[in-house]
C-alpha cells in the first residue's frame, strides 16, 4: 500500500515541488536547507531569552527567565539572531542548561556557555582574572543575558524530523573558542563527571555562601566557580 505523502506543494519562492507529509504548515525542504548556516561557521549574534516563567529565588533565577521541562530540567530557551553577513537575518534556537535531576552535566555545560557569552560580549580573554573581568562576570539576574551581542561558533545538526537545523555550539572569545581550563584533562560527557558531581542546587547554594557578596546578585563565583 502506497504511503500517504499528503498534498503536493510548489514552493512560491524557489518553485521546488514537495509533499506536505500530512503537515498543516509544511515548509519547503530546499529553502530550509539553503537557510542552514554551514557547520563550524563563526557569526555575530544577538541573544533573546524566551522566558518560561520559572523562578528559583534561592539560586537567583528570577524574572521568570528560566523554563522547566516535563522531566524537571531547568534551562534558558534561547533564540539567536544573526547580525553578520552573509547570514544576516537568520535565526536559530538552542537551550542553555541550568539544572537537571539526572546529574550535573547539564548545569556544568550551561555555566560553561554562560561564561563564554559574558567573555565574548565584553571582549575579554577567558583567562583574564582581573577585577574588571570578574566584575563583568557578575549577573544581577539571568535577564542581564537577554540582548547580549557576541560571536558564536554554530553547529549544524539533524533534527528528529530528519531536517537539518542550526544550534549554538560555543561562544568565541579573544583567545579563540571558549573552553574550560581543565577541558583537556576531563571529558564533560564522562560517567566519572556525573558520579563525582554534587547536586546542582546544593552546590550552587554552597558557592554563594562562600562568596560573601551581595545576595541579591548572582555572583559569577556561584555561576561558574569551576571555571575560574
N, C-alpha and C. Protein backbone atom coordinates (compact mmCIF):
# COMPACT_ATOMS: atom_id res chain seq x y z
N UNK A 1 0.84 -1.20 0.00
CA UNK A 1 0.00 0.00 0.00
C UNK A 1 0.88 1.25 0.00
N UNK A 2 0.60 2.16 -0.90
CA UNK A 2 1.43 3.36 -1.01
C UNK A 2 1.25 4.26 0.21
N UNK A 3 2.34 4.86 0.63
CA UNK A 3 2.32 5.75 1.78
C UNK A 3 1.68 7.08 1.39
N UNK A 4 0.83 7.60 2.25
CA UNK A 4 0.18 8.88 2.00
C UNK A 4 1.18 10.01 2.24
N UNK A 5 1.56 10.68 1.17
CA UNK A 5 2.55 11.75 1.26
C UNK A 5 1.91 13.12 1.49
N UNK A 6 0.58 13.15 1.51
CA UNK A 6 -0.10 14.42 1.70
C UNK A 6 -0.25 15.18 0.40
N UNK A 7 -0.47 16.46 0.53
CA UNK A 7 -0.69 17.31 -0.64
C UNK A 7 0.63 17.66 -1.34
N UNK A 8 0.56 17.79 -2.65
CA UNK A 8 1.73 18.22 -3.42
C UNK A 8 1.74 19.74 -3.44
N UNK A 9 2.90 20.30 -3.11
CA UNK A 9 3.02 21.75 -2.97
C UNK A 9 4.15 22.27 -3.86
N UNK A 10 3.98 23.44 -4.42
CA UNK A 10 5.03 24.12 -5.17
C UNK A 10 5.46 25.33 -4.35
N UNK A 11 6.75 25.38 -3.98
CA UNK A 11 7.25 26.49 -3.17
C UNK A 11 7.15 27.80 -3.97
N UNK A 12 6.50 28.82 -3.44
CA UNK A 12 6.35 30.09 -4.16
C UNK A 12 7.67 30.84 -4.32
N UNK A 13 8.68 30.46 -3.53
CA UNK A 13 9.95 31.17 -3.57
C UNK A 13 10.92 30.56 -4.57
N UNK A 14 11.13 29.23 -4.47
CA UNK A 14 12.14 28.58 -5.33
C UNK A 14 11.52 27.63 -6.36
N UNK A 15 10.20 27.48 -6.31
CA UNK A 15 9.45 26.65 -7.27
C UNK A 15 9.72 25.16 -7.12
N UNK A 16 10.36 24.76 -6.01
CA UNK A 16 10.58 23.33 -5.76
C UNK A 16 9.25 22.66 -5.42
N UNK A 17 9.06 21.43 -5.95
CA UNK A 17 7.86 20.66 -5.66
C UNK A 17 8.14 19.69 -4.51
N UNK A 18 7.24 19.63 -3.56
CA UNK A 18 7.40 18.72 -2.42
C UNK A 18 6.04 18.36 -1.86
N UNK A 19 6.02 17.38 -0.97
CA UNK A 19 4.77 16.92 -0.37
C UNK A 19 4.66 17.42 1.08
N UNK A 20 3.43 17.63 1.51
CA UNK A 20 3.20 18.17 2.85
C UNK A 20 3.43 17.14 3.95
N UNK A 21 3.44 15.86 3.60
CA UNK A 21 3.62 14.77 4.57
C UNK A 21 2.61 14.85 5.71
N UNK A 22 1.42 15.36 5.37
CA UNK A 22 0.36 15.41 6.37
C UNK A 22 0.42 16.61 7.29
N UNK A 23 1.42 17.49 7.12
CA UNK A 23 1.57 18.65 7.99
C UNK A 23 0.70 19.80 7.49
N UNK A 24 0.11 20.53 8.44
CA UNK A 24 -0.75 21.66 8.08
C UNK A 24 0.07 22.81 7.50
N UNK A 25 1.28 23.03 8.06
CA UNK A 25 2.15 24.09 7.58
C UNK A 25 3.50 23.48 7.20
N UNK A 26 3.55 22.90 6.02
CA UNK A 26 4.78 22.26 5.56
C UNK A 26 5.73 23.30 4.98
N UNK A 27 6.98 23.19 5.32
CA UNK A 27 7.99 24.13 4.80
C UNK A 27 8.78 23.48 3.68
N UNK A 28 9.23 24.30 2.77
CA UNK A 28 10.00 23.81 1.62
C UNK A 28 11.34 23.25 2.10
N UNK A 29 11.63 21.98 1.80
CA UNK A 29 12.90 21.39 2.26
C UNK A 29 14.13 22.05 1.64
N UNK A 30 14.01 22.51 0.38
CA UNK A 30 15.16 23.15 -0.28
C UNK A 30 15.45 24.51 0.36
N UNK A 31 14.41 25.31 0.58
CA UNK A 31 14.62 26.61 1.21
C UNK A 31 15.13 26.44 2.64
N UNK A 32 14.61 25.42 3.32
CA UNK A 32 15.03 25.17 4.70
C UNK A 32 16.51 24.78 4.73
N UNK A 33 16.93 23.95 3.77
CA UNK A 33 18.34 23.54 3.71
C UNK A 33 19.24 24.71 3.34
N UNK A 34 18.78 25.54 2.40
CA UNK A 34 19.57 26.70 1.98
C UNK A 34 19.72 27.73 3.11
N UNK A 35 18.81 27.67 4.06
CA UNK A 35 18.83 28.63 5.17
C UNK A 35 19.78 28.21 6.28
N UNK A 36 20.32 26.99 6.17
CA UNK A 36 21.21 26.47 7.21
C UNK A 36 22.59 27.13 7.10
N UNK A 37 23.10 27.59 8.22
CA UNK A 37 24.46 28.14 8.29
C UNK A 37 25.43 26.97 8.34
N UNK A 38 26.47 26.95 7.50
CA UNK A 38 27.41 25.82 7.47
C UNK A 38 27.99 25.49 8.85
N UNK A 39 28.12 24.21 9.13
CA UNK A 39 28.65 23.74 10.40
C UNK A 39 30.04 24.32 10.66
N UNK A 40 30.25 24.84 11.87
CA UNK A 40 31.54 25.40 12.25
C UNK A 40 31.72 26.87 11.94
N UNK A 41 30.70 27.49 11.33
CA UNK A 41 30.79 28.92 11.00
C UNK A 41 30.82 29.77 12.26
N UNK A 42 31.54 30.90 12.19
CA UNK A 42 31.55 31.87 13.28
C UNK A 42 30.77 33.10 12.84
N UNK A 43 29.78 33.47 13.63
CA UNK A 43 28.92 34.61 13.29
C UNK A 43 28.66 35.44 14.54
N UNK A 44 28.30 36.70 14.33
CA UNK A 44 27.88 37.56 15.43
C UNK A 44 26.38 37.43 15.60
N UNK A 45 25.93 37.30 16.85
CA UNK A 45 24.51 37.10 17.11
C UNK A 45 24.03 38.01 18.24
N UNK A 46 22.71 38.17 18.30
CA UNK A 46 22.06 38.83 19.42
C UNK A 46 21.18 37.80 20.10
N UNK A 47 21.32 37.68 21.41
CA UNK A 47 20.59 36.67 22.18
C UNK A 47 19.27 37.22 22.68
N UNK A 48 18.23 36.42 22.51
CA UNK A 48 16.94 36.72 23.12
C UNK A 48 16.49 35.50 23.90
N UNK A 49 16.26 35.68 25.20
CA UNK A 49 15.80 34.58 26.03
C UNK A 49 14.28 34.57 26.04
N UNK A 50 13.72 33.46 25.65
CA UNK A 50 12.27 33.30 25.63
C UNK A 50 11.83 32.83 27.02
N UNK A 51 11.33 33.76 27.80
CA UNK A 51 11.05 33.49 29.22
C UNK A 51 10.02 32.37 29.37
N UNK A 52 10.29 31.51 30.37
CA UNK A 52 9.40 30.37 30.61
C UNK A 52 8.64 30.47 31.91
N UNK A 53 8.89 31.55 32.69
CA UNK A 53 8.14 31.77 33.91
C UNK A 53 8.62 31.03 35.13
N UNK A 54 9.76 30.32 35.02
CA UNK A 54 10.27 29.56 36.17
C UNK A 54 11.20 30.44 37.01
N UNK A 55 11.04 30.41 38.33
CA UNK A 55 11.90 31.16 39.25
C UNK A 55 12.41 30.26 40.36
N UNK A 56 13.63 30.50 40.78
CA UNK A 56 14.18 29.90 42.00
C UNK A 56 14.97 31.00 42.68
N UNK A 57 14.33 31.66 43.64
CA UNK A 57 14.92 32.85 44.25
C UNK A 57 16.19 32.53 45.05
N UNK A 58 16.31 31.31 45.57
CA UNK A 58 17.50 30.94 46.33
C UNK A 58 18.73 30.89 45.43
N UNK A 59 18.52 30.55 44.17
CA UNK A 59 19.64 30.46 43.23
C UNK A 59 19.76 31.70 42.36
N UNK A 60 18.88 32.68 42.58
CA UNK A 60 18.96 33.91 41.80
C UNK A 60 18.33 33.81 40.43
N UNK A 61 17.57 32.75 40.19
CA UNK A 61 16.90 32.60 38.90
C UNK A 61 15.56 33.31 39.00
N UNK A 62 15.56 34.58 38.68
CA UNK A 62 14.37 35.42 38.86
C UNK A 62 13.89 35.98 37.52
N UNK A 63 12.89 36.83 37.59
CA UNK A 63 12.31 37.49 36.42
C UNK A 63 11.67 36.51 35.44
N UNK A 64 11.47 35.26 35.87
CA UNK A 64 10.80 34.27 35.02
C UNK A 64 11.55 33.92 33.76
N UNK A 65 12.86 34.13 33.74
CA UNK A 65 13.62 33.91 32.52
C UNK A 65 13.85 32.43 32.22
N UNK A 66 13.91 31.59 33.25
CA UNK A 66 14.18 30.17 33.06
C UNK A 66 12.90 29.41 32.69
N UNK A 67 13.08 28.24 32.13
CA UNK A 67 11.97 27.35 31.77
C UNK A 67 12.18 26.01 32.45
N UNK A 68 11.09 25.30 32.70
CA UNK A 68 11.16 23.98 33.32
C UNK A 68 10.57 22.94 32.39
N UNK A 69 11.35 21.89 32.12
CA UNK A 69 10.87 20.81 31.27
C UNK A 69 10.01 19.83 32.03
N UNK A 70 9.34 18.95 31.31
CA UNK A 70 8.45 17.97 31.93
C UNK A 70 9.20 17.01 32.85
N UNK A 71 10.47 16.74 32.53
CA UNK A 71 11.26 15.81 33.33
C UNK A 71 11.98 16.50 34.48
N UNK A 72 11.77 17.82 34.63
CA UNK A 72 12.37 18.55 35.75
C UNK A 72 13.63 19.32 35.41
N UNK A 73 14.06 19.29 34.15
CA UNK A 73 15.26 20.04 33.76
C UNK A 73 14.93 21.54 33.71
N UNK A 74 15.87 22.36 34.17
CA UNK A 74 15.72 23.82 34.14
C UNK A 74 16.71 24.37 33.12
N UNK A 75 16.23 25.29 32.28
CA UNK A 75 17.08 25.78 31.19
C UNK A 75 16.64 27.15 30.72
N UNK A 76 17.49 27.77 29.91
CA UNK A 76 17.16 29.01 29.23
C UNK A 76 16.83 28.67 27.79
N UNK A 77 15.65 29.09 27.34
CA UNK A 77 15.20 28.85 25.97
C UNK A 77 15.66 30.04 25.13
N UNK A 78 16.66 29.82 24.30
CA UNK A 78 17.35 30.93 23.64
C UNK A 78 17.11 31.00 22.13
N UNK A 79 16.94 32.21 21.65
CA UNK A 79 16.86 32.49 20.22
C UNK A 79 18.05 33.36 19.85
N UNK A 80 18.76 32.99 18.79
CA UNK A 80 19.93 33.73 18.34
C UNK A 80 19.64 34.33 16.97
N UNK A 81 19.73 35.65 16.88
CA UNK A 81 19.52 36.35 15.62
C UNK A 81 20.89 36.74 15.05
N UNK A 82 21.17 36.30 13.84
CA UNK A 82 22.49 36.54 13.24
C UNK A 82 22.59 37.97 12.72
N UNK A 83 23.69 38.64 13.06
CA UNK A 83 23.90 40.04 12.68
C UNK A 83 24.96 40.23 11.61
N UNK A 84 25.77 39.20 11.36
CA UNK A 84 26.89 39.36 10.44
C UNK A 84 26.61 38.70 9.09
N UNK A 85 27.07 39.35 7.99
CA UNK A 85 26.89 38.77 6.65
C UNK A 85 27.77 37.53 6.50
N UNK A 86 27.38 36.62 5.62
CA UNK A 86 26.26 36.68 4.67
C UNK A 86 24.96 36.08 5.22
N UNK A 87 24.89 35.90 6.54
CA UNK A 87 23.75 35.21 7.13
C UNK A 87 22.84 36.14 7.94
N UNK A 88 22.94 37.44 7.68
CA UNK A 88 22.13 38.42 8.42
C UNK A 88 20.64 38.08 8.30
N UNK A 89 19.95 38.12 9.43
CA UNK A 89 18.51 37.88 9.44
C UNK A 89 18.12 36.45 9.75
N UNK A 90 19.09 35.53 9.71
CA UNK A 90 18.77 34.13 10.03
C UNK A 90 18.68 33.96 11.55
N UNK A 91 17.81 33.08 11.99
CA UNK A 91 17.65 32.79 13.42
C UNK A 91 17.83 31.30 13.67
N UNK A 92 18.34 30.98 14.85
CA UNK A 92 18.36 29.59 15.27
C UNK A 92 18.14 29.54 16.79
N UNK A 93 17.83 28.36 17.28
CA UNK A 93 17.42 28.22 18.67
C UNK A 93 18.23 27.14 19.38
N UNK A 94 18.48 27.36 20.67
CA UNK A 94 19.19 26.38 21.48
C UNK A 94 18.78 26.54 22.94
N UNK A 95 19.03 25.51 23.72
CA UNK A 95 18.78 25.55 25.16
C UNK A 95 20.11 25.65 25.90
N UNK A 96 20.13 26.46 26.96
CA UNK A 96 21.29 26.54 27.85
C UNK A 96 20.85 25.97 29.18
N UNK A 97 21.45 24.86 29.58
CA UNK A 97 21.03 24.15 30.78
C UNK A 97 21.44 24.85 32.07
N UNK A 98 20.57 24.78 33.07
CA UNK A 98 20.85 25.30 34.40
C UNK A 98 20.89 24.18 35.44
N UNK A 99 20.00 23.20 35.28
CA UNK A 99 19.94 22.11 36.23
C UNK A 99 19.20 20.93 35.62
N UNK A 100 19.67 19.72 35.95
CA UNK A 100 18.97 18.50 35.53
C UNK A 100 18.94 17.53 36.70
N UNK A 101 17.80 16.89 36.96
CA UNK A 101 17.73 15.90 38.03
C UNK A 101 18.52 14.64 37.71
N UNK A 102 18.98 14.49 36.46
CA UNK A 102 19.73 13.30 36.06
C UNK A 102 21.21 13.38 36.40
N UNK A 103 21.69 14.58 36.74
CA UNK A 103 23.12 14.72 37.03
C UNK A 103 23.62 16.12 36.76
N UNK A 104 24.89 16.40 37.05
CA UNK A 104 25.44 17.76 36.95
C UNK A 104 25.88 18.20 35.57
N UNK A 105 25.94 17.28 34.59
CA UNK A 105 26.50 17.66 33.28
C UNK A 105 25.74 18.81 32.65
N UNK A 106 24.41 18.78 32.69
CA UNK A 106 23.57 19.81 32.06
C UNK A 106 23.89 21.19 32.61
N UNK A 107 23.95 21.29 33.95
CA UNK A 107 24.26 22.57 34.58
C UNK A 107 25.70 23.00 34.35
N UNK A 108 26.62 22.05 34.37
CA UNK A 108 28.03 22.38 34.13
C UNK A 108 28.24 22.94 32.72
N UNK A 109 27.60 22.30 31.75
CA UNK A 109 27.73 22.77 30.37
C UNK A 109 27.10 24.15 30.21
N UNK A 110 25.97 24.36 30.89
CA UNK A 110 25.32 25.66 30.83
C UNK A 110 26.18 26.77 31.39
N UNK A 111 26.84 26.51 32.52
CA UNK A 111 27.73 27.52 33.11
C UNK A 111 28.90 27.82 32.20
N UNK A 112 29.39 26.79 31.52
CA UNK A 112 30.48 26.99 30.56
C UNK A 112 30.02 27.92 29.42
N UNK A 113 28.81 27.70 28.92
CA UNK A 113 28.29 28.54 27.83
C UNK A 113 28.05 29.97 28.30
N UNK A 114 27.53 30.13 29.53
CA UNK A 114 27.28 31.46 30.07
C UNK A 114 28.60 32.22 30.24
N UNK A 115 29.62 31.52 30.71
CA UNK A 115 30.93 32.17 30.85
C UNK A 115 31.42 32.66 29.49
N UNK A 116 31.27 31.82 28.48
CA UNK A 116 31.71 32.21 27.14
C UNK A 116 30.94 33.41 26.61
N UNK A 117 29.63 33.44 26.87
CA UNK A 117 28.81 34.57 26.42
C UNK A 117 29.27 35.86 27.07
N UNK A 118 29.52 35.83 28.38
CA UNK A 118 29.95 37.03 29.09
C UNK A 118 31.33 37.48 28.62
N UNK A 119 32.22 36.53 28.40
CA UNK A 119 33.55 36.88 27.90
C UNK A 119 33.47 37.50 26.51
N UNK A 120 32.72 36.85 25.62
CA UNK A 120 32.64 37.31 24.24
C UNK A 120 31.93 38.65 24.13
N UNK A 121 30.83 38.82 24.84
CA UNK A 121 30.06 40.07 24.74
C UNK A 121 30.80 41.25 25.35
N UNK A 122 31.74 40.98 26.24
CA UNK A 122 32.52 42.06 26.86
C UNK A 122 33.95 42.12 26.32
N UNK A 123 34.25 41.27 25.33
CA UNK A 123 35.54 41.27 24.66
C UNK A 123 36.70 41.10 25.65
N UNK A 124 36.58 40.10 26.50
CA UNK A 124 37.66 39.82 27.46
C UNK A 124 38.17 38.40 27.27
N UNK A 125 39.44 38.22 27.58
CA UNK A 125 40.08 36.92 27.46
C UNK A 125 39.51 35.96 28.49
N UNK A 126 39.40 34.69 28.10
CA UNK A 126 38.85 33.69 29.01
C UNK A 126 39.70 33.50 30.26
N UNK A 127 41.00 33.77 30.13
CA UNK A 127 41.91 33.60 31.28
C UNK A 127 42.09 34.88 32.09
N UNK A 128 41.41 35.95 31.71
CA UNK A 128 41.53 37.23 32.41
C UNK A 128 40.85 37.15 33.77
N UNK A 129 41.62 37.31 34.84
CA UNK A 129 41.07 37.25 36.19
C UNK A 129 41.23 38.58 36.92
N UNK A 130 41.32 39.66 36.15
CA UNK A 130 41.43 40.98 36.75
C UNK A 130 40.12 41.36 37.42
N UNK A 131 40.18 42.40 38.25
CA UNK A 131 38.99 42.87 38.94
C UNK A 131 37.91 43.27 37.94
N UNK A 132 38.34 43.93 36.85
CA UNK A 132 37.38 44.38 35.84
C UNK A 132 36.70 43.19 35.16
N UNK A 133 37.49 42.16 34.84
CA UNK A 133 36.94 40.99 34.17
C UNK A 133 35.97 40.25 35.07
N UNK A 134 36.34 40.09 36.33
CA UNK A 134 35.46 39.41 37.28
C UNK A 134 34.17 40.20 37.47
N UNK A 135 34.28 41.53 37.43
CA UNK A 135 33.11 42.38 37.63
C UNK A 135 32.07 42.18 36.54
N UNK A 136 32.52 42.05 35.28
CA UNK A 136 31.56 41.88 34.20
C UNK A 136 31.00 40.46 34.17
N UNK A 137 31.62 39.55 34.91
CA UNK A 137 31.09 38.19 35.01
C UNK A 137 30.20 38.06 36.25
N UNK A 138 29.44 39.08 36.49
CA UNK A 138 28.50 39.06 37.63
C UNK A 138 27.13 39.47 37.12
N UNK A 139 26.14 38.65 37.40
CA UNK A 139 24.79 38.90 36.94
C UNK A 139 23.87 39.24 38.11
N UNK A 140 23.12 40.30 37.98
CA UNK A 140 22.08 40.59 38.97
C UNK A 140 20.87 39.70 38.73
N UNK A 141 20.72 39.28 37.49
CA UNK A 141 19.61 38.41 37.10
C UNK A 141 19.99 37.74 35.79
N UNK A 142 19.39 36.59 35.52
CA UNK A 142 19.58 35.95 34.23
C UNK A 142 19.11 36.86 33.09
N UNK A 143 18.27 37.82 33.43
CA UNK A 143 17.76 38.77 32.44
C UNK A 143 18.89 39.62 31.87
N UNK A 144 20.01 39.73 32.61
CA UNK A 144 21.15 40.51 32.12
C UNK A 144 21.72 39.92 30.83
N UNK A 145 21.50 38.61 30.61
CA UNK A 145 22.00 37.97 29.40
C UNK A 145 21.15 38.31 28.18
N UNK A 146 19.89 38.68 28.43
CA UNK A 146 18.96 38.97 27.34
C UNK A 146 19.42 40.20 26.56
N UNK A 147 19.57 40.07 25.27
CA UNK A 147 20.01 41.19 24.43
C UNK A 147 21.52 41.25 24.23
N UNK A 148 22.25 40.30 24.80
CA UNK A 148 23.71 40.30 24.64
C UNK A 148 24.09 40.07 23.18
N UNK A 149 25.13 40.78 22.72
CA UNK A 149 25.65 40.63 21.37
C UNK A 149 27.05 40.05 21.46
N UNK A 150 27.31 38.98 20.75
CA UNK A 150 28.61 38.30 20.86
C UNK A 150 28.81 37.39 19.65
N UNK A 151 29.99 36.80 19.55
CA UNK A 151 30.31 35.90 18.45
C UNK A 151 30.18 34.45 18.92
N UNK A 152 29.67 33.61 18.03
CA UNK A 152 29.48 32.21 18.36
C UNK A 152 29.98 31.31 17.23
N UNK A 153 30.28 30.09 17.60
CA UNK A 153 30.52 29.05 16.61
C UNK A 153 29.22 28.26 16.50
N UNK A 154 28.74 28.09 15.27
CA UNK A 154 27.46 27.45 15.03
C UNK A 154 27.67 26.01 14.57
N UNK A 155 26.81 25.12 15.02
CA UNK A 155 26.85 23.75 14.53
C UNK A 155 25.57 23.44 13.77
N UNK A 156 25.66 22.54 12.81
CA UNK A 156 24.50 22.08 12.05
C UNK A 156 24.22 20.64 12.44
N UNK A 157 23.01 20.37 12.89
CA UNK A 157 22.64 19.03 13.35
C UNK A 157 21.33 18.61 12.68
N UNK A 158 21.12 17.32 12.57
CA UNK A 158 19.88 16.81 12.00
C UNK A 158 18.87 16.59 13.12
N UNK A 159 17.68 17.17 12.97
CA UNK A 159 16.65 17.07 13.98
C UNK A 159 15.92 15.74 13.95
N UNK A 160 15.02 15.53 14.90
CA UNK A 160 14.25 14.29 14.97
C UNK A 160 13.38 14.08 13.74
N UNK A 161 13.04 15.18 13.07
CA UNK A 161 12.21 15.08 11.87
C UNK A 161 13.04 14.84 10.61
N UNK A 162 14.36 14.66 10.79
CA UNK A 162 15.24 14.38 9.66
C UNK A 162 15.75 15.61 8.94
N UNK A 163 15.32 16.79 9.37
CA UNK A 163 15.76 18.02 8.72
C UNK A 163 16.90 18.65 9.50
N UNK A 164 17.77 19.34 8.76
CA UNK A 164 18.92 19.99 9.38
C UNK A 164 18.51 21.30 10.05
N UNK A 165 19.20 21.62 11.12
CA UNK A 165 18.96 22.87 11.82
C UNK A 165 20.26 23.34 12.47
N UNK A 166 20.31 24.62 12.78
CA UNK A 166 21.48 25.18 13.46
C UNK A 166 21.26 25.25 14.95
N UNK A 167 22.36 25.10 15.70
CA UNK A 167 22.33 25.25 17.14
C UNK A 167 23.58 25.98 17.60
N UNK A 168 23.50 26.58 18.78
CA UNK A 168 24.62 27.27 19.41
C UNK A 168 25.62 26.23 19.89
N UNK A 169 26.85 26.31 19.38
CA UNK A 169 27.90 25.39 19.80
C UNK A 169 28.66 25.96 20.99
N UNK A 170 29.34 27.08 20.77
CA UNK A 170 30.06 27.72 21.86
C UNK A 170 30.36 29.16 21.49
N UNK A 171 30.65 29.99 22.49
CA UNK A 171 30.98 31.39 22.23
C UNK A 171 32.44 31.50 21.78
N UNK A 172 32.71 32.53 21.00
CA UNK A 172 34.07 32.80 20.52
C UNK A 172 34.62 33.98 21.32
N UNK A 173 35.73 33.76 22.01
CA UNK A 173 36.33 34.81 22.83
C UNK A 173 37.65 35.25 22.23
N UNK A 174 38.31 36.20 22.87
CA UNK A 174 39.51 36.82 22.30
C UNK A 174 40.61 35.81 21.98
N UNK A 175 40.76 34.79 22.84
CA UNK A 175 41.83 33.83 22.61
C UNK A 175 41.33 32.58 21.89
N UNK A 176 40.17 32.68 21.26
CA UNK A 176 39.64 31.55 20.50
C UNK A 176 38.33 31.05 21.08
N UNK A 177 38.02 29.79 20.81
CA UNK A 177 36.79 29.19 21.30
C UNK A 177 36.83 29.08 22.82
N UNK A 178 35.69 29.45 23.46
CA UNK A 178 35.61 29.35 24.91
C UNK A 178 35.80 27.91 25.34
N UNK A 179 36.68 27.70 26.30
CA UNK A 179 36.97 26.35 26.75
C UNK A 179 37.31 26.36 28.22
N UNK A 180 36.82 25.37 28.94
CA UNK A 180 37.17 25.27 30.35
C UNK A 180 38.67 25.04 30.49
N UNK A 181 39.32 25.63 31.50
CA UNK A 181 40.74 25.44 31.68
C UNK A 181 41.13 23.97 31.81
N UNK A 182 40.22 23.13 32.35
CA UNK A 182 40.55 21.73 32.53
C UNK A 182 39.90 20.84 31.48
N UNK A 183 39.41 21.45 30.38
CA UNK A 183 38.67 20.67 29.38
C UNK A 183 39.52 19.58 28.75
N UNK A 184 40.84 19.83 28.63
CA UNK A 184 41.70 18.84 28.01
C UNK A 184 41.97 17.65 28.94
N UNK A 185 41.71 17.86 30.22
CA UNK A 185 42.01 16.81 31.19
C UNK A 185 40.78 16.05 31.66
N UNK A 186 39.58 16.56 31.34
CA UNK A 186 38.36 15.91 31.82
C UNK A 186 37.27 16.00 30.77
N UNK A 187 36.67 14.86 30.43
CA UNK A 187 35.59 14.82 29.47
C UNK A 187 34.29 15.17 30.16
N UNK A 188 33.64 16.27 29.74
CA UNK A 188 32.39 16.69 30.37
C UNK A 188 31.30 15.65 30.21
N UNK A 189 31.40 14.79 29.20
CA UNK A 189 30.36 13.81 28.96
C UNK A 189 30.62 12.49 29.70
N UNK A 190 31.73 12.40 30.41
CA UNK A 190 32.10 11.14 31.02
C UNK A 190 31.21 10.77 32.19
N UNK A 191 31.08 9.47 32.43
CA UNK A 191 30.30 8.99 33.57
C UNK A 191 30.97 9.39 34.88
N UNK A 192 32.31 9.52 34.83
CA UNK A 192 33.05 9.91 36.03
C UNK A 192 32.61 11.28 36.50
N UNK A 193 32.40 12.19 35.53
CA UNK A 193 31.94 13.53 35.86
C UNK A 193 30.60 13.48 36.56
N UNK A 194 29.67 12.65 36.08
CA UNK A 194 28.34 12.53 36.68
C UNK A 194 28.41 11.92 38.07
N UNK A 195 29.28 10.93 38.25
CA UNK A 195 29.38 10.29 39.56
C UNK A 195 29.94 11.22 40.60
N UNK A 196 30.93 12.00 40.19
CA UNK A 196 31.62 12.85 41.14
C UNK A 196 30.91 14.18 41.38
N UNK A 197 30.01 14.54 40.48
CA UNK A 197 29.31 15.82 40.60
C UNK A 197 28.34 15.85 41.76
N UNK A 198 28.24 17.00 42.43
CA UNK A 198 27.29 17.19 43.52
C UNK A 198 25.97 17.66 42.97
N UNK A 199 24.93 17.58 43.79
CA UNK A 199 23.62 18.08 43.38
C UNK A 199 23.73 19.55 43.03
N UNK A 200 23.14 19.95 41.87
CA UNK A 200 23.27 21.31 41.36
C UNK A 200 22.80 22.37 42.37
N UNK A 201 21.66 22.15 42.95
CA UNK A 201 21.09 23.16 43.85
C UNK A 201 21.93 23.31 45.09
N UNK A 202 22.30 22.19 45.71
CA UNK A 202 23.10 22.23 46.93
C UNK A 202 24.44 22.90 46.69
N UNK A 203 25.08 22.55 45.57
CA UNK A 203 26.39 23.11 45.27
C UNK A 203 26.31 24.61 45.00
N UNK A 204 25.31 25.03 44.24
CA UNK A 204 25.17 26.46 43.93
C UNK A 204 24.94 27.27 45.19
N UNK A 205 24.11 26.76 46.10
CA UNK A 205 23.85 27.47 47.35
C UNK A 205 25.12 27.56 48.18
N UNK A 206 25.91 26.48 48.16
CA UNK A 206 27.17 26.46 48.90
C UNK A 206 28.14 27.47 48.34
N UNK A 207 28.23 27.57 47.02
CA UNK A 207 29.13 28.50 46.37
C UNK A 207 28.78 29.95 46.72
N UNK A 208 27.48 30.28 46.71
CA UNK A 208 27.06 31.64 47.03
C UNK A 208 27.44 31.99 48.46
N UNK A 209 27.27 31.05 49.39
CA UNK A 209 27.58 31.32 50.79
C UNK A 209 29.07 31.55 50.99
N UNK A 210 29.91 30.92 50.17
CA UNK A 210 31.36 31.10 50.29
C UNK A 210 31.82 32.44 49.75
N UNK A 211 31.05 32.97 48.77
CA UNK A 211 31.49 34.19 48.10
C UNK A 211 31.41 35.41 49.00
N UNK A 212 30.29 35.60 49.71
CA UNK A 212 30.13 36.72 50.61
C UNK A 212 29.74 38.02 49.95
N UNK A 213 29.37 37.99 48.66
CA UNK A 213 28.96 39.23 48.00
C UNK A 213 27.47 39.46 48.22
N UNK A 214 26.95 40.50 47.61
CA UNK A 214 25.54 40.86 47.75
C UNK A 214 24.66 39.70 47.31
N UNK A 215 23.79 39.19 48.20
CA UNK A 215 22.95 38.04 47.89
C UNK A 215 21.88 38.36 46.86
N UNK A 216 21.68 39.64 46.57
CA UNK A 216 20.71 40.00 45.55
C UNK A 216 21.29 39.86 44.15
N UNK A 217 22.58 39.54 44.07
CA UNK A 217 23.23 39.35 42.79
C UNK A 217 23.55 37.88 42.59
N UNK A 218 23.57 37.45 41.33
CA UNK A 218 24.07 36.12 41.03
C UNK A 218 25.55 36.28 40.78
N UNK A 219 26.34 36.03 41.78
CA UNK A 219 27.78 36.23 41.64
C UNK A 219 28.35 35.23 40.64
N UNK A 220 29.31 35.68 39.86
CA UNK A 220 29.90 34.78 38.88
C UNK A 220 30.64 33.65 39.57
N UNK A 221 31.09 33.89 40.80
CA UNK A 221 31.73 32.85 41.60
C UNK A 221 30.77 31.68 41.76
N UNK A 222 29.49 32.00 42.00
CA UNK A 222 28.48 30.95 42.17
C UNK A 222 28.11 30.30 40.85
N UNK A 223 28.06 31.10 39.78
CA UNK A 223 27.63 30.56 38.50
C UNK A 223 28.66 29.64 37.88
N UNK A 224 29.91 30.04 37.93
CA UNK A 224 30.93 29.26 37.22
C UNK A 224 32.18 29.09 38.05
N UNK A 225 32.03 28.76 39.30
CA UNK A 225 33.16 28.59 40.19
C UNK A 225 34.20 27.62 39.61
N UNK A 226 33.73 26.56 38.96
CA UNK A 226 34.62 25.53 38.49
C UNK A 226 35.50 26.00 37.33
N UNK A 227 35.15 27.13 36.72
CA UNK A 227 35.89 27.56 35.55
C UNK A 227 36.80 28.75 35.81
N UNK A 228 36.82 29.28 37.05
CA UNK A 228 37.66 30.43 37.35
C UNK A 228 39.11 30.01 37.51
